Protein backbone atom coordinates (compact mmCIF):
# COMPACT_ATOMS: atom_id res chain seq x y z
CA MET A 1 178.89 191.99 58.32
CA SER A 2 182.21 190.17 56.82
CA MET A 3 183.77 186.64 57.27
CA ARG A 4 187.27 185.77 56.59
CA MET A 5 189.30 182.87 56.88
CA LEU A 6 192.97 183.64 58.29
CA ASP A 7 196.30 181.36 58.12
CA LYS A 8 196.30 177.90 58.18
CA ASP A 9 198.21 177.87 61.50
CA ASP A 10 195.20 179.10 63.34
CA SER A 11 193.99 176.11 65.24
CA SER A 12 190.34 176.78 64.87
CA ALA A 13 191.04 177.24 60.94
CA ASP A 14 190.72 173.03 60.58
CA ALA A 15 187.14 173.49 61.59
CA GLN A 16 184.49 171.84 59.42
CA VAL A 17 181.58 173.99 58.37
CA THR A 18 178.62 171.90 59.09
CA ARG A 19 175.29 172.55 58.19
CA VAL A 20 174.07 173.92 61.52
CA ASP A 21 177.12 176.00 61.33
CA GLN A 22 176.08 177.61 58.02
CA ASP A 23 172.44 177.89 59.32
CA ARG A 24 173.80 179.85 62.11
CA ILE A 25 175.98 182.25 59.65
CA ASN A 26 173.05 182.50 57.66
CA ALA A 27 170.80 183.42 60.71
CA PHE A 28 173.57 186.07 62.07
CA SER A 29 173.23 187.42 57.90
CA ARG A 30 170.05 187.90 58.24
CA LEU A 31 169.90 189.52 61.94
CA ASN A 32 172.59 191.89 60.70
CA SER A 33 170.74 192.93 57.62
CA ARG A 34 167.75 193.49 59.69
CA THR A 35 169.37 195.87 62.51
CA ASP A 36 170.33 198.00 59.54
CA GLU A 37 167.03 198.14 57.91
CA ILE A 38 165.84 198.94 61.72
CA VAL A 39 168.72 201.62 62.19
CA ASP A 40 167.48 203.54 59.03
CA THR A 41 163.79 203.34 60.09
CA LEU A 42 164.93 204.57 63.61
CA ASP A 43 166.68 207.34 62.34
CA SER A 44 163.59 208.74 59.95
CA LEU A 45 161.24 208.48 62.73
CA ILE A 46 163.81 210.16 65.71
CA LYS A 47 164.34 213.11 63.07
CA GLN A 48 160.24 213.05 62.42
CA ARG A 49 159.93 212.89 66.25
CA GLU A 50 162.27 215.72 66.86
CA ASP A 51 160.79 217.99 64.15
CA LEU A 52 156.96 217.38 65.42
CA GLU A 53 158.09 218.23 69.37
CA GLU A 54 159.49 221.40 67.93
CA VAL A 55 156.16 222.02 66.11
CA GLU A 56 154.44 220.84 69.04
CA THR A 57 156.14 223.41 71.60
CA GLU A 58 155.41 226.39 68.87
CA LEU A 59 151.63 225.43 68.59
CA GLU A 60 151.44 225.29 72.24
CA LEU A 61 152.16 228.85 72.53
CA VAL A 62 148.98 229.75 69.91
CA ASP A 63 145.73 230.66 71.10
CA ASP A 64 143.42 227.74 71.15
CA ASP A 65 140.73 229.45 68.70
CA ASP A 66 143.29 230.43 66.41
CA GLN A 67 143.21 228.83 62.74
CA VAL A 68 146.20 227.30 61.58
CA MET A 69 147.52 225.47 58.80
CA TYR A 70 147.70 221.82 59.21
CA LYS A 71 148.87 219.22 56.85
CA LEU A 72 146.76 216.26 56.81
CA ASP A 73 148.12 213.53 54.31
CA THR A 74 149.09 215.68 51.35
CA THR A 75 146.52 218.52 51.72
CA PHE A 76 146.59 221.50 53.87
CA VAL A 77 143.69 222.87 55.99
CA HIS A 78 142.80 225.29 58.08
CA LEU A 79 142.15 224.08 61.51
CA PRO A 80 141.73 225.58 65.28
CA ALA A 81 145.38 225.71 66.85
CA SER A 82 143.45 223.05 69.94
CA GLU A 83 142.61 220.83 66.75
CA ALA A 84 145.78 221.05 65.26
CA LEU A 85 147.53 220.24 68.39
CA GLU A 86 145.41 216.96 69.28
CA HIS A 87 146.28 215.68 65.65
CA LEU A 88 149.96 216.55 65.97
CA GLN A 89 150.03 214.57 69.35
CA ALA A 90 148.13 211.68 67.99
CA GLN A 91 150.96 211.58 65.36
CA LEU A 92 153.94 212.14 67.88
CA ASP A 93 152.41 209.01 69.76
CA LYS A 94 152.08 207.03 66.66
CA ILE A 95 155.82 207.48 65.96
CA ARG A 96 156.63 207.09 69.72
CA ASN A 97 155.10 203.67 69.84
CA GLU A 98 156.78 202.91 66.53
CA VAL A 99 160.12 204.09 67.84
CA ASP A 100 159.52 201.85 70.74
CA THR A 101 158.77 198.63 69.06
CA LEU A 102 161.69 199.37 66.51
CA GLU A 103 164.33 199.51 69.66
CA ALA A 104 162.90 196.49 70.98
CA ASP A 105 163.47 194.69 67.72
CA LYS A 106 166.42 195.99 67.64
CA GLN A 107 167.58 194.95 70.92
CA SER A 108 165.93 191.48 69.88
CA CYS A 109 168.48 191.25 67.04
CA ALA A 110 171.56 192.05 68.79
CA ASP A 111 170.89 189.25 71.40
CA GLN A 112 170.20 186.84 68.94
CA MET A 113 173.67 187.91 67.20
CA ASP A 114 175.37 187.80 70.42
CA ALA A 115 174.37 184.22 71.10
CA LEU A 116 175.28 182.85 67.49
CA LYS A 117 178.37 185.01 67.97
CA LYS A 118 179.41 183.05 70.97
CA ASP A 119 178.71 179.84 69.25
CA LEU A 120 180.40 180.71 66.00
CA TYR A 121 183.49 182.19 67.77
CA ALA A 122 183.60 179.02 70.19
CA LYS A 123 184.21 176.95 67.47
CA PHE A 124 186.13 179.17 64.71
CA GLY A 125 188.06 181.39 67.03
CA THR A 126 189.56 184.10 64.96
CA SER A 127 189.21 182.70 61.53
CA ILE A 128 185.66 183.98 61.38
CA ASN A 129 185.05 187.63 61.81
CA LEU A 130 181.54 188.64 62.76
CA GLU A 131 181.79 192.39 63.89
CA ARG A 132 179.72 194.87 62.39
CA GLY A 133 182.36 197.48 60.41
CA ASP A 134 180.58 200.33 62.14
CA ASP A 135 181.05 199.65 65.69
């Protein structure tokens, strides 16, 4: 997020920044930072989910009683394919829930930022820039 002041001839450039305005700007900045954190975490979780879904597809093709190597925490163990598939699906469910939660958090941040933008642009017009550089 960047904020910039424009030429003095902009009619909203004379607007005084009050404590409430500063609080709104700070809240917007915090939400913007939180959104960046959420996006980074989401990117990682989505990659993990895609990788696990690929393994799930492959594991479903293995006979249930066949032994497979499965990573539990930092250790690889031999498990029947059916048991490994159960562990994998539980892990996938957990990741899917985390993704859903983060998507909801991201949307909440976006909604709050939109409300703050509306208020700040109403007062400061083009003398403030609250647009993300990556949009």
